[in-house]
PDB file of N, CA and C in Angstrom:
ATOM      1  N   MET A   1     340.136  76.433 125.783  1.00  0.00           N
ATOM      2  CA  MET A   1     341.553  76.149 126.043  1.00  0.00           C
ATOM      3  C   MET A   1     342.376  75.269 125.162  1.00  0.00           C
ATOM      4  N   THR A   2     343.442  75.321 124.662  1.00  0.00           N
ATOM      5  CA  THR A   2     343.665  74.122 123.758  1.00  0.00           C
ATOM      6  C   THR A   2     344.118  73.138 124.308  1.00  0.00           C
ATOM      7  N   ASP A   3     345.116  73.299 125.270  1.00  0.00           N
ATOM      8  CA  ASP A   3     346.000  72.386 125.976  1.00  0.00           C
ATOM      9  C   ASP A   3     344.988  71.683 127.523  1.00  0.00           C
ATOM     10  N   CYS A   4     343.705  72.002 127.727  1.00  0.00           N
ATOM     11  CA  CYS A   4     343.332  71.909 128.863  1.00  0.00           C
ATOM     12  C   CYS A   4     342.915  70.467 128.334  1.00  0.00           C
ATOM     13  N   LEU A   5     343.109  69.306 129.450  1.00  0.00           N
ATOM     14  CA  LEU A   5     342.390  67.973 129.476  1.00  0.00           C
ATOM     15  C   LEU A   5     340.857  67.831 129.396  1.00  0.00           C
ATOM     16  N   PHE A   6     340.314  68.269 130.372  1.00  0.00           N
ATOM     17  CA  PHE A   6     339.002  68.709 130.512  1.00  0.00           C
ATOM     18  C   PHE A   6     338.368  69.082 129.212  1.00  0.00           C
ATOM     19  N   CYS A   7     338.671  69.931 128.875  1.00  0.00           N
ATOM     20  CA  CYS A   7     338.096  70.682 127.620  1.00  0.00           C
ATOM     21  C   CYS A   7     338.206  69.995 126.374  1.00  0.00           C
ATOM     22  N   LYS A   8     339.836  68.730 126.165  1.00  0.00           N
ATOM     23  CA  LYS A   8     339.695  68.105 125.344  1.00  0.00           C
ATOM     24  C   LYS A   8     338.522  66.808 125.860  1.00  0.00           C
ATOM     25  N   ILE A   9     338.421  66.410 126.688  1.00  0.00           N
ATOM     26  CA  ILE A   9     337.261  65.416 127.016  1.00  0.00           C
ATOM     27  C   ILE A   9     335.978  65.893 126.566  1.00  0.00           C
ATOM     28  N   VAL A  10     335.867  67.070 126.944  1.00  0.00           N
ATOM     29  CA  VAL A  10     334.301  67.913 126.486  1.00  0.00           C
ATOM     30  C   VAL A  10     334.389  67.520 124.864  1.00  0.00           C
ATOM     31  N   GLU A  11     335.299  67.917 124.567  1.00  0.00           N
ATOM     32  CA  GLU A  11     334.967  68.056 123.010  1.00  0.00           C
ATOM     33  C   GLU A  11     335.060  66.656 122.503  1.00  0.00           C
ATOM     34  N   GLY A  12     335.232  65.582 122.982  1.00  0.00           N
ATOM     35  CA  GLY A  12     335.620  64.425 122.548  1.00  0.00           C
ATOM     36  C   GLY A  12     336.952  63.799 121.992  1.00  0.00           C
ATOM     37  N   LYS A  13     337.946  64.662 122.058  1.00  0.00           N
ATOM     38  CA  LYS A  13     339.332  64.388 121.596  1.00  0.00           C
ATOM     39  C   LYS A  13     339.985  63.458 122.353  1.00  0.00           C
ATOM     40  N   ILE A  14     339.635  63.315 123.642  1.00  0.00           N
ATOM     41  CA  ILE A  14     340.257  62.551 124.756  1.00  0.00           C
ATOM     42  C   ILE A  14     338.718  61.270 125.044  1.00  0.00           C
ATOM     43  N   PRO A  15     339.009  60.195 124.964  1.00  0.00           N
ATOM     44  CA  PRO A  15     337.655  59.286 125.503  1.00  0.00           C
ATOM     45  C   PRO A  15     337.452  59.334 127.128  1.00  0.00           C
ATOM     46  N   SER A  16     336.542  59.257 127.369  1.00  0.00           N
ATOM     47  CA  SER A  16     335.935  59.368 128.696  1.00  0.00           C
ATOM     48  C   SER A  16     334.736  58.448 128.640  1.00  0.00           C
ATOM     49  N   LYS A  17     334.078  58.100 129.804  1.00  0.00           N
ATOM     50  CA  LYS A  17     333.344  57.206 130.376  1.00  0.00           C
ATOM     51  C   LYS A  17     331.823  57.900 130.697  1.00  0.00           C
ATOM     52  N   LYS A  18     331.413  58.691 129.494  1.00  0.00           N
ATOM     53  CA  LYS A  18     330.127  59.726 129.737  1.00  0.00           C
ATOM     54  C   LYS A  18     329.052  59.028 130.617  1.00  0.00           C
ATOM     55  N   VAL A  19     328.689  59.952 131.550  1.00  0.00           N
ATOM     56  CA  VAL A  19     327.781  59.885 132.431  1.00  0.00           C
ATOM     57  C   VAL A  19     326.205  60.711 132.046  1.00  0.00           C
ATOM     58  N   TYR A  20     326.930  62.052 131.676  1.00  0.00           N
ATOM     59  CA  TYR A  20     325.688  62.879 131.523  1.00  0.00           C
ATOM     60  C   TYR A  20     326.388  64.390 130.406  1.00  0.00           C
ATOM     61  N   GLU A  21     325.595  64.221 129.594  1.00  0.00           N
ATOM     62  CA  GLU A  21     325.706  65.560 128.753  1.00  0.00           C
ATOM     63  C   GLU A  21     324.384  66.908 128.546  1.00  0.00           C
ATOM     64  N   ASP A  22     325.008  67.831 128.887  1.00  0.00           N
ATOM     65  CA  ASP A  22     323.854  68.617 128.092  1.00  0.00           C
ATOM     66  C   ASP A  22     324.568  70.029 127.892  1.00  0.00           C
ATOM     67  N   ASP A  23     323.630  71.135 127.446  1.00  0.00           N
ATOM     68  CA  ASP A  23     324.346  72.113 126.609  1.00  0.00           C
ATOM     69  C   ASP A  23     325.380  73.099 127.839  1.00  0.00           C
ATOM     70  N   LYS A  24     325.155  72.462 128.912  1.00  0.00           N
ATOM     71  CA  LYS A  24     326.153  73.462 130.047  1.00  0.00           C
ATOM     72  C   LYS A  24     327.383  72.591 130.711  1.00  0.00           C
ATOM     73  N   VAL A  25     327.296  71.137 130.562  1.00  0.00           N
ATOM     74  CA  VAL A  25     327.798  70.244 131.682  1.00  0.00           C
ATOM     75  C   VAL A  25     327.930  68.990 130.777  1.00  0.00           C
ATOM     76  N   PHE A  26     329.069  68.285 131.183  1.00  0.00           N
ATOM     77  CA  PHE A  26     329.629  67.312 130.967  1.00  0.00           C
ATOM     78  C   PHE A  26     330.125  66.163 131.749  1.00  0.00           C
ATOM     79  N   ALA A  27     329.488  65.271 132.267  1.00  0.00           N
ATOM     80  CA  ALA A  27     329.908  64.154 133.462  1.00  0.00           C
ATOM     81  C   ALA A  27     330.497  63.035 133.059  1.00  0.00           C
ATOM     82  N   PHE A  28     331.652  62.710 133.329  1.00  0.00           N
ATOM     83  CA  PHE A  28     331.791  61.377 133.548  1.00  0.00           C
ATOM     84  C   PHE A  28     332.829  60.779 134.511  1.00  0.00           C
ATOM     85  N   GLU A  29     332.990  59.289 134.725  1.00  0.00           N
ATOM     86  CA  GLU A  29     333.481  58.678 135.455  1.00  0.00           C
ATOM     87  C   GLU A  29     335.159  59.158 135.748  1.00  0.00           C
ATOM     88  N   ASP A  30     335.360  59.210 137.041  1.00  0.00           N
ATOM     89  CA  ASP A  30     336.803  59.525 137.096  1.00  0.00           C
ATOM     90  C   ASP A  30     337.794  58.425 136.955  1.00  0.00           C
ATOM     91  N   VAL A  31     338.536  58.715 136.717  1.00  0.00           N
ATOM     92  CA  VAL A  31     339.792  57.289 136.206  1.00  0.00           C
ATOM     93  C   VAL A  31     340.310  56.514 137.310  1.00  0.00           C
ATOM     94  N   ASN A  32     340.639  57.491 138.309  1.00  0.00           N
ATOM     95  CA  ASN A  32     340.874  56.913 139.645  1.00  0.00           C
ATOM     96  C   ASN A  32     339.843  57.122 140.815  1.00  0.00           C
ATOM     97  N   PRO A  33     339.012  56.496 140.935  1.00  0.00           N
ATOM     98  CA  PRO A  33     337.486  56.517 141.388  1.00  0.00           C
ATOM     99  C   PRO A  33     338.017  56.434 143.106  1.00  0.00           C
ATOM    100  N   GLN A  34     337.606  57.273 143.924  1.00  0.00           N
ATOM    101  CA  GLN A  34     338.001  57.166 145.308  1.00  0.00           C
ATOM    102  C   GLN A  34     336.593  56.576 146.248  1.00  0.00           C
ATOM    103  N   ALA A  35     335.505  56.313 145.384  1.00  0.00           N
ATOM    104  CA  ALA A  35     334.204  55.430 145.992  1.00  0.00           C
ATOM    105  C   ALA A  35     333.850  54.748 145.188  1.00  0.00           C
ATOM    106  N   PRO A  36     332.649  54.267 145.642  1.00  0.00           N
ATOM    107  CA  PRO A  36     332.186  53.111 144.105  1.00  0.00           C
ATOM    108  C   PRO A  36     331.382  54.392 143.152  1.00  0.00           C
ATOM    109  N   THR A  37     330.868  55.230 143.454  1.00  0.00           N
ATOM    110  CA  THR A  37     330.441  56.167 142.839  1.00  0.00           C
ATOM    111  C   THR A  37     331.447  57.876 142.396  1.00  0.00           C
ATOM    112  N   HIS A  38     332.144  57.855 141.565  1.00  0.00           N
ATOM    113  CA  HIS A  38     332.970  58.993 141.816  1.00  0.00           C
ATOM    114  C   HIS A  38     332.838  59.701 139.928  1.00  0.00           C
ATOM    115  N   ILE A  39     332.049  60.585 140.248  1.00  0.00           N
ATOM    116  CA  ILE A  39     332.047  61.385 138.951  1.00  0.00           C
ATOM    117  C   ILE A  39     332.450  62.722 138.763  1.00  0.00           C
ATOM    118  N   LEU A  40     332.788  63.041 137.769  1.00  0.00           N
ATOM    119  CA  LEU A  40     333.391  64.326 137.494  1.00  0.00           C
ATOM    120  C   LEU A  40     332.641  65.078 136.537  1.00  0.00           C
ATOM    121  N   LEU A  41     331.825  66.524 136.764  1.00  0.00           N
ATOM    122  CA  LEU A  41     331.134  67.239 136.367  1.00  0.00           C
ATOM    123  C   LEU A  41     332.188  68.425 136.250  1.00  0.00           C
ATOM    124  N   VAL A  42     332.015  68.795 134.857  1.00  0.00           N
ATOM    125  CA  VAL A  42     332.699  69.750 134.331  1.00  0.00           C
ATOM    126  C   VAL A  42     331.959  70.769 133.247  1.00  0.00           C
ATOM    127  N   PRO A  43     331.892  72.138 133.895  1.00  0.00           N
ATOM    128  CA  PRO A  43     331.225  72.959 132.524  1.00  0.00           C
ATOM    129  C   PRO A  43     331.986  73.218 131.225  1.00  0.00           C
ATOM    130  N   LYS A  44     331.385  73.133 130.204  1.00  0.00           N
ATOM    131  CA  LYS A  44     331.772  73.199 128.960  1.00  0.00           C
ATOM    132  C   LYS A  44     332.361  74.251 128.828  1.00  0.00           C
ATOM    133  N   ARG A  45     332.368  75.233 129.589  1.00  0.00           N
ATOM    134  CA  ARG A  45     332.999  76.532 129.170  1.00  0.00           C
ATOM    135  C   ARG A  45     333.859  76.801 130.178  1.00  0.00           C
ATOM    136  N   HIS A  46     334.953  76.777 129.787  1.00  0.00           N
ATOM    137  CA  HIS A  46     336.107  76.557 130.227  1.00  0.00           C
ATOM    138  C   HIS A  46     336.592  77.742 131.568  1.00  0.00           C
ATOM    139  N   PHE A  47     336.934  77.326 132.761  1.00  0.00           N
ATOM    140  CA  PHE A  47     337.455  78.139 133.607  1.00  0.00           C
ATOM    141  C   PHE A  47     338.480  77.729 134.475  1.00  0.00           C
ATOM    142  N   GLU A  48     339.004  78.054 135.270  1.00  0.00           N
ATOM    143  CA  GLU A  48     340.196  77.568 136.148  1.00  0.00           C
ATOM    144  C   GLU A  48     339.730  76.721 137.567  1.00  0.00           C
ATOM    145  N   GLY A  49     339.158  77.731 138.267  1.00  0.00           N
ATOM    146  CA  GLY A  49     338.461  76.988 139.104  1.00  0.00           C
ATOM    147  C   GLY A  49     337.507  78.164 140.306  1.00  0.00           C
ATOM    148  N   LEU A  50     336.930  77.830 141.138  1.00  0.00           N
ATOM    149  CA  LEU A  50     336.203  78.322 141.907  1.00  0.00           C
ATOM    150  C   LEU A  50     336.939  79.632 142.282  1.00  0.00           C
ATOM    151  N   ASN A  51     338.043  79.934 142.603  1.00  0.00           N
ATOM    152  CA  ASN A  51     338.945  80.762 143.155  1.00  0.00           C
ATOM    153  C   ASN A  51     339.174  82.091 142.016  1.00  0.00           C
ATOM    154  N   LYS A  52     338.662  81.516 140.783  1.00  0.00           N
ATOM    155  CA  LYS A  52     338.480  82.515 139.734  1.00  0.00           C
ATOM    156  C   LYS A  52     337.213  82.839 138.589  1.00  0.00           C
ATOM    157  N   ALA A  53     336.072  82.196 139.782  1.00  0.00           N
ATOM    158  CA  ALA A  53     335.078  82.780 139.756  1.00  0.00           C
ATOM    159  C   ALA A  53     334.566  83.964 139.757  1.00  0.00           C
ATOM    160  N   VAL A  54     333.501  84.546 139.171  1.00  0.00           N
ATOM    161  CA  VAL A  54     332.741  85.807 139.024  1.00  0.00           C
ATOM    162  C   VAL A  54     331.418  85.523 138.982  1.00  0.00           C
ATOM    163  N   PRO A  55     330.850  86.781 139.377  1.00  0.00           N
ATOM    164  CA  PRO A  55     329.200  86.729 139.561  1.00  0.00           C
ATOM    165  C   PRO A  55     328.557  85.574 138.793  1.00  0.00           C
ATOM    166  N   GLU A  56     329.134  86.224 137.605  1.00  0.00           N
ATOM    167  CA  GLU A  56     328.563  85.400 136.237  1.00  0.00           C
ATOM    168  C   GLU A  56     328.601  83.840 136.316  1.00  0.00           C
ATOM    169  N   ASP A  57     329.223  83.607 136.996  1.00  0.00           N
ATOM    170  CA  ASP A  57     329.475  81.837 137.180  1.00  0.00           C
ATOM    171  C   ASP A  57     328.716  81.556 138.163  1.00  0.00           C
ATOM    172  N   ALA A  58     327.601  82.089 139.110  1.00  0.00           N
ATOM    173  CA  ALA A  58     326.952  81.463 139.709  1.00  0.00           C
ATOM    174  C   ALA A  58     326.161  80.422 139.383  1.00  0.00           C
ATOM    175  N   GLU A  59     325.627  80.803 138.182  1.00  0.00           N
ATOM    176  CA  GLU A  59     324.650  80.015 137.662  1.00  0.00           C
ATOM    177  C   GLU A  59     325.146  78.841 137.310  1.00  0.00           C
ATOM    178  N   ILE A  60     326.058  78.494 136.551  1.00  0.00           N
ATOM    179  CA  ILE A  60     327.057  77.232 136.495  1.00  0.00           C
ATOM    180  C   ILE A  60     327.357  76.519 137.889  1.00  0.00           C
ATOM    181  N   LEU A  61     327.717  77.384 138.508  1.00  0.00           N
ATOM    182  CA  LEU A  61     328.345  76.737 139.976  1.00  0.00           C
ATOM    183  C   LEU A  61     327.067  76.023 140.765  1.00  0.00           C
ATOM    184  N   GLY A  62     325.783  76.494 141.037  1.00  0.00           N
ATOM    185  CA  GLY A  62     324.942  75.889 141.170  1.00  0.00           C
ATOM    186  C   GLY A  62     323.889  75.221 140.456  1.00  0.00           C
ATOM    187  N   TYR A  63     324.238  75.244 138.992  1.00  0.00           N
ATOM    188  CA  TYR A  63     323.598  74.151 138.018  1.00  0.00           C
ATOM    189  C   TYR A  63     324.448  72.552 138.153  1.00  0.00           C
ATOM    190  N   LEU A  64     325.978  72.950 138.597  1.00  0.00           N
ATOM    191  CA  LEU A  64     326.566  71.584 138.633  1.00  0.00           C
ATOM    192  C   LEU A  64     325.842  71.064 139.907  1.00  0.00           C
ATOM    193  N   GLN A  65     325.815  71.734 140.879  1.00  0.00           N
ATOM    194  CA  GLN A  65     325.322  70.885 142.064  1.00  0.00           C
ATOM    195  C   GLN A  65     324.006  70.242 141.620  1.00  0.00           C
ATOM    196  N   LEU A  66     322.900  70.931 141.327  1.00  0.00           N
ATOM    197  CA  LEU A  66     321.732  70.398 140.804  1.00  0.00           C
ATOM    198  C   LEU A  66     322.035  69.127 139.776  1.00  0.00           C
ATOM    199  N   VAL A  67     322.611  68.946 138.884  1.00  0.00           N
ATOM    200  CA  VAL A  67     323.072  67.970 137.855  1.00  0.00           C
ATOM    201  C   VAL A  67     323.497  66.536 138.854  1.00  0.00           C
ATOM    202  N   ALA A  68     324.603  67.128 139.776  1.00  0.00           N
ATOM    203  CA  ALA A  68     325.107  66.231 140.837  1.00  0.00           C
ATOM    204  C   ALA A  68     324.359  65.523 141.481  1.00  0.00           C
ATOM    205  N   ALA A  69     323.188  66.270 142.109  1.00  0.00           N
ATOM    206  CA  ALA A  69     321.576  65.599 142.449  1.00  0.00           C
ATOM    207  C   ALA A  69     321.231  64.442 141.715  1.00  0.00           C
ATOM    208  N   LYS A  70     320.821  64.984 140.809  1.00  0.00           N
ATOM    209  CA  LYS A  70     320.112  64.036 139.594  1.00  0.00           C
ATOM    210  C   LYS A  70     321.048  63.045 139.575  1.00  0.00           C
ATOM    211  N   ILE A  71     322.504  62.771 139.558  1.00  0.00           N
ATOM    212  CA  ILE A  71     323.227  62.036 139.493  1.00  0.00           C
ATOM    213  C   ILE A  71     322.812  61.051 140.613  1.00  0.00           C
ATOM    214  N   GLY A  72     323.232  61.318 141.499  1.00  0.00           N
ATOM    215  CA  GLY A  72     322.702  60.898 142.870  1.00  0.00           C
ATOM    216  C   GLY A  72     321.755  60.334 142.684  1.00  0.00           C
ATOM    217  N   ARG A  73     320.619  60.453 142.102  1.00  0.00           N
ATOM    218  CA  ARG A  73     319.327  59.552 142.538  1.00  0.00           C
ATOM    219  C   ARG A  73     319.221  58.709 141.759  1.00  0.00           C
ATOM    220  N   GLU A  74     319.901  58.870 140.299  1.00  0.00           N
ATOM    221  CA  GLU A  74     319.915  57.932 139.069  1.00  0.00           C
ATOM    222  C   GLU A  74     320.817  56.911 139.894  1.00  0.00           C
ATOM    223  N   ARG A  75     321.544  57.059 140.522  1.00  0.00           N
ATOM    224  CA  ARG A  75     322.881  55.878 141.395  1.00  0.00           C
ATOM    225  C   ARG A  75     322.421  55.409 142.755  1.00  0.00           C
ATOM    226  N   GLY A  76     321.228  56.029 142.869  1.00  0.00           N
ATOM    227  CA  GLY A  76     320.868  55.233 144.430  1.00  0.00           C
ATOM    228  C   GLY A  76     321.542  55.691 145.192  1.00  0.00           C
ATOM    229  N   ILE A  77     322.160  56.819 145.454  1.00  0.00           N
ATOM    230  CA  ILE A  77     323.093  57.169 146.876  1.00  0.00           C
ATOM    231  C   ILE A  77     322.965  58.122 147.438  1.00  0.00           C
ATOM    232  N   GLU A  78     321.385  58.600 147.612  1.00  0.00           N
ATOM    233  CA  GLU A  78     320.775  59.806 148.118  1.00  0.00           C
ATOM    234  C   GLU A  78     320.829  59.544 149.668  1.00  0.00           C
ATOM    235  N   ASP A  79     321.392  58.334 150.195  1.00  0.00           N
ATOM    236  CA  ASP A  79     321.224  58.542 151.805  1.00  0.00           C
ATOM    237  C   ASP A  79     322.703  59.022 152.321  1.00  0.00           C
ATOM    238  N   GLY A  80     323.654  59.378 150.805  1.00  0.00           N
ATOM    239  CA  GLY A  80     325.272  60.147 151.827  1.00  0.00           C
ATOM    240  C   GLY A  80     325.940  60.176 150.597  1.00  0.00           C
ATOM    241  N   TYR A  81     326.152  61.299 149.999  1.00  0.00           N
ATOM    242  CA  TYR A  81     327.412  61.383 149.094  1.00  0.00           C
ATOM    243  C   TYR A  81     327.782  62.601 149.420  1.00  0.00           C
ATOM    244  N   ARG A  82     328.978  63.119 148.769  1.00  0.00           N
ATOM    245  CA  ARG A  82     329.418  64.366 148.677  1.00  0.00           C
ATOM    246  C   ARG A  82     329.978  65.087 147.227  1.00  0.00           C
ATOM    247  N   THR A  83     329.891  66.516 147.417  1.00  0.00           N
ATOM    248  CA  THR A  83     330.222  67.001 145.979  1.00  0.00           C
ATOM    249  C   THR A  83     331.491  67.775 146.415  1.00  0.00           C
ATOM    250  N   VAL A  84     332.655  67.846 145.789  1.00  0.00           N
ATOM    251  CA  VAL A  84     333.404  68.376 146.165  1.00  0.00           C
ATOM    252  C   VAL A  84     334.568  69.357 145.259  1.00  0.00           C
ATOM    253  N   LEU A  85     334.499  70.392 145.358  1.00  0.00           N
ATOM    254  CA  LEU A  85     335.246  71.283 144.758  1.00  0.00           C
ATOM    255  C   LEU A  85     336.888  71.543 145.095  1.00  0.00           C
ATOM    256  N   ASN A  86     337.977  71.030 144.576  1.00  0.00           N
ATOM    257  CA  ASN A  86     339.286  71.329 144.574  1.00  0.00           C
ATOM    258  C   ASN A  86     339.295  72.625 144.279  1.00  0.00           C
ATOM    259  N   VAL A  87     340.117  73.293 145.197  1.00  0.00           N
ATOM    260  CA  VAL A  87     340.434  74.590 144.916  1.00  0.00           C
ATOM    261  C   VAL A  87     341.774  74.866 145.171  1.00  0.00           C
ATOM    262  N   GLY A  88     342.838  75.360 143.696  1.00  0.00           N
ATOM    263  CA  GLY A  88     344.038  75.178 143.952  1.00  0.00           C
ATOM    264  C   GLY A  88     345.288  74.104 144.001  1.00  0.00           C
ATOM    265  N   PRO A  89     346.150  74.006 143.885  1.00  0.00           N
ATOM    266  CA  PRO A  89     346.956  72.541 143.681  1.00  0.00           C
ATOM    267  C   PRO A  89     347.203  72.331 145.344  1.00  0.00           C
ATOM    268  N   ARG A  90     347.292  73.098 146.858  1.00  0.00           N
ATOM    269  CA  ARG A  90     347.000  72.796 148.079  1.00  0.00           C
ATOM    270  C   ARG A  90     346.281  71.404 148.370  1.00  0.00           C
ATOM    271  N   SER A  91     344.800  71.744 147.203  1.00  0.00           N
ATOM    272  CA  SER A  91     343.669  71.169 147.590  1.00  0.00           C
ATOM    273  C   SER A  91     343.904  69.587 146.992  1.00  0.00           C
ATOM    274  N   GLY A  92     344.732  69.723 146.286  1.00  0.00           N
ATOM    275  CA  GLY A  92     344.677  68.529 145.141  1.00  0.00           C
ATOM    276  C   GLY A  92     344.609  68.696 143.667  1.00  0.00           C
ATOM    277  N   GLN A  93     344.007  70.127 143.616  1.00  0.00           N
ATOM    278  CA  GLN A  93     343.467  70.051 141.933  1.00  0.00           C
ATOM    279  C   GLN A  93     344.554  69.962 141.359  1.00  0.00           C
ATOM    280  N   SER A  94     344.088  69.513 140.245  1.00  0.00           N
ATOM    281  CA  SER A  94     345.535  68.773 139.106  1.00  0.00           C
ATOM    282  C   SER A  94     345.206  69.375 138.084  1.00  0.00           C
ATOM    283  N   VAL A  95     344.244  69.335 138.043  1.00  0.00           N
ATOM    284  CA  VAL A  95     343.543  69.878 136.271  1.00  0.00           C
ATOM    285  C   VAL A  95     342.837  71.151 136.347  1.00  0.00           C
ATOM    286  N   PHE A  96     343.454  72.514 136.100  1.00  0.00           N
ATOM    287  CA  PHE A  96     343.034  73.565 136.205  1.00  0.00           C
ATOM    288  C   PHE A  96     341.976  73.820 135.265  1.00  0.00           C
ATOM    289  N   HIS A  97     340.855  73.081 135.357  1.00  0.00           N
ATOM    290  CA  HIS A  97     339.667  73.739 134.756  1.00  0.00           C
ATOM    291  C   HIS A  97     338.326  73.466 135.773  1.00  0.00           C
ATOM    292  N   LEU A  98     337.721  73.962 136.272  1.00  0.00           N
ATOM    293  CA  LEU A  98     336.864  73.680 137.549  1.00  0.00           C
ATOM    294  C   LEU A  98     335.970  72.490 136.985  1.00  0.00           C
ATOM    295  N   HIS A  99     336.084  71.800 138.052  1.00  0.00           N
ATOM    296  CA  HIS A  99     335.004  70.249 138.147  1.00  0.00           C
ATOM    297  C   HIS A  99     334.862  69.750 139.521  1.00  0.00           C
ATOM    298  N   LEU A 100     333.400  69.677 139.796  1.00  0.00           N
ATOM    299  CA  LEU A 100     332.715  68.847 140.978  1.00  0.00           C
ATOM    300  C   LEU A 100     333.292  67.414 140.847  1.00  0.00           C
ATOM    301  N   HIS A 101     333.307  67.066 142.294  1.00  0.00           N
ATOM    302  CA  HIS A 101     333.479  65.455 142.117  1.00  0.00           C
ATOM    303  C   HIS A 101     332.072  65.100 142.964  1.00  0.00           C
ATOM    304  N   LEU A 102     331.397  64.001 142.388  1.00  0.00           N
ATOM    305  CA  LEU A 102     330.185  63.770 143.138  1.00  0.00           C
ATOM    306  C   LEU A 102     330.989  62.233 143.449  1.00  0.00           C
ATOM    307  N   ILE A 103     330.925  62.161 145.113  1.00  0.00           N
ATOM    308  CA  ILE A 103     331.738  60.761 145.655  1.00  0.00           C
ATOM    309  C   ILE A 103     330.648  60.210 146.584  1.00  0.00           C
ATOM    310  N   GLY A 104     330.617  58.896 146.232  1.00  0.00           N
ATOM    311  CA  GLY A 104     329.330  58.074 147.381  1.00  0.00           C
ATOM    312  C   GLY A 104     329.421  56.690 147.008  1.00  0.00           C
ATOM    313  N   GLY A 105     328.269  55.849 147.620  1.00  0.00           N
ATOM    314  CA  GLY A 105     328.381  54.662 147.351  1.00  0.00           C
ATOM    315  C   GLY A 105     328.948  53.910 148.660  1.00  0.00           C
ATOM    316  N   ARG A 106     329.342  54.197 149.568  1.00  0.00           N
ATOM    317  CA  ARG A 106     330.174  53.872 150.617  1.00  0.00           C
ATOM    318  C   ARG A 106     330.334  54.958 151.980  1.00  0.00           C
ATOM    319  N   ASP A 107     330.384  54.571 152.903  1.00  0.00           N
ATOM    320  CA  ASP A 107     330.216  55.264 154.389  1.00  0.00           C
ATOM    321  C   ASP A 107     331.482  55.880 154.078  1.00  0.00           C
ATOM    322  N   MET A 108     331.262  57.923 154.310  1.00  0.00           N
ATOM    323  CA  MET A 108     332.330  58.732 154.171  1.00  0.00           C
ATOM    324  C   MET A 108     333.016  59.089 155.974  1.00  0.00           C
ATOM    325  N   THR A 109     333.977  59.319 156.105  1.00  0.00           N
ATOM    326  CA  THR A 109     334.367  59.815 157.468  1.00  0.00           C
ATOM    327  C   THR A 109     334.703  61.449 157.332  1.00  0.00           C
ATOM    328  N   TRP A 110     335.009  61.735 158.484  1.00  0.00           N
ATOM    329  CA  TRP A 110     334.989  63.055 158.654  1.00  0.00           C
ATOM    330  C   TRP A 110     336.340  62.806 159.868  1.00  0.00           C
ATOM    331  N   PRO A 111     337.597  64.179 159.770  1.00  0.00           N
ATOM    332  CA  PRO A 111     337.287  64.800 158.613  1.00  0.00           C
ATOM    333  C   PRO A 111     338.065  64.575 157.448  1.00  0.00           C
ATOM    334  N   PRO A 112     337.397  65.061 156.039  1.00  0.00           N
ATOM    335  CA  PRO A 112     338.154  64.157 154.818  1.00  0.00           C
ATOM    336  C   PRO A 112     339.298  64.482 154.935  1.00  0.00           C
ATOM    337  N   GLY A 113     339.865  63.799 154.053  1.00  0.00           N
ATOM    338  CA  GLY A 113     341.742  63.697 153.504  1.00  0.00           C
ATOM    339  C   GLY A 113     342.419  64.505 154.509  1.00  0.00           C
TER     340      GLY A 113
END
């Protein structure tokens, strides 16, 4: 998608602080972090969000979680972190390219937001 912010980041057209990349996922530091660790994990293939996912997307959705766990281990936050998918504008989703937030490095409260 040519006008998608995250597609442009994945393509290297917009700079980011890359944390991880492979053939399926690009992960980078959030520009407005809500915790010491706040990383966005983005599928390289564009789709809007979980509400637009189809059964064929199950693999990438699970893979995002596994990559988040790997980064969590690398960051030493295995004692507590969150993975969050915001779905739709009422949840706070502002970029409509599915992305998983990995948030940790501090105590989390409940309920969130």
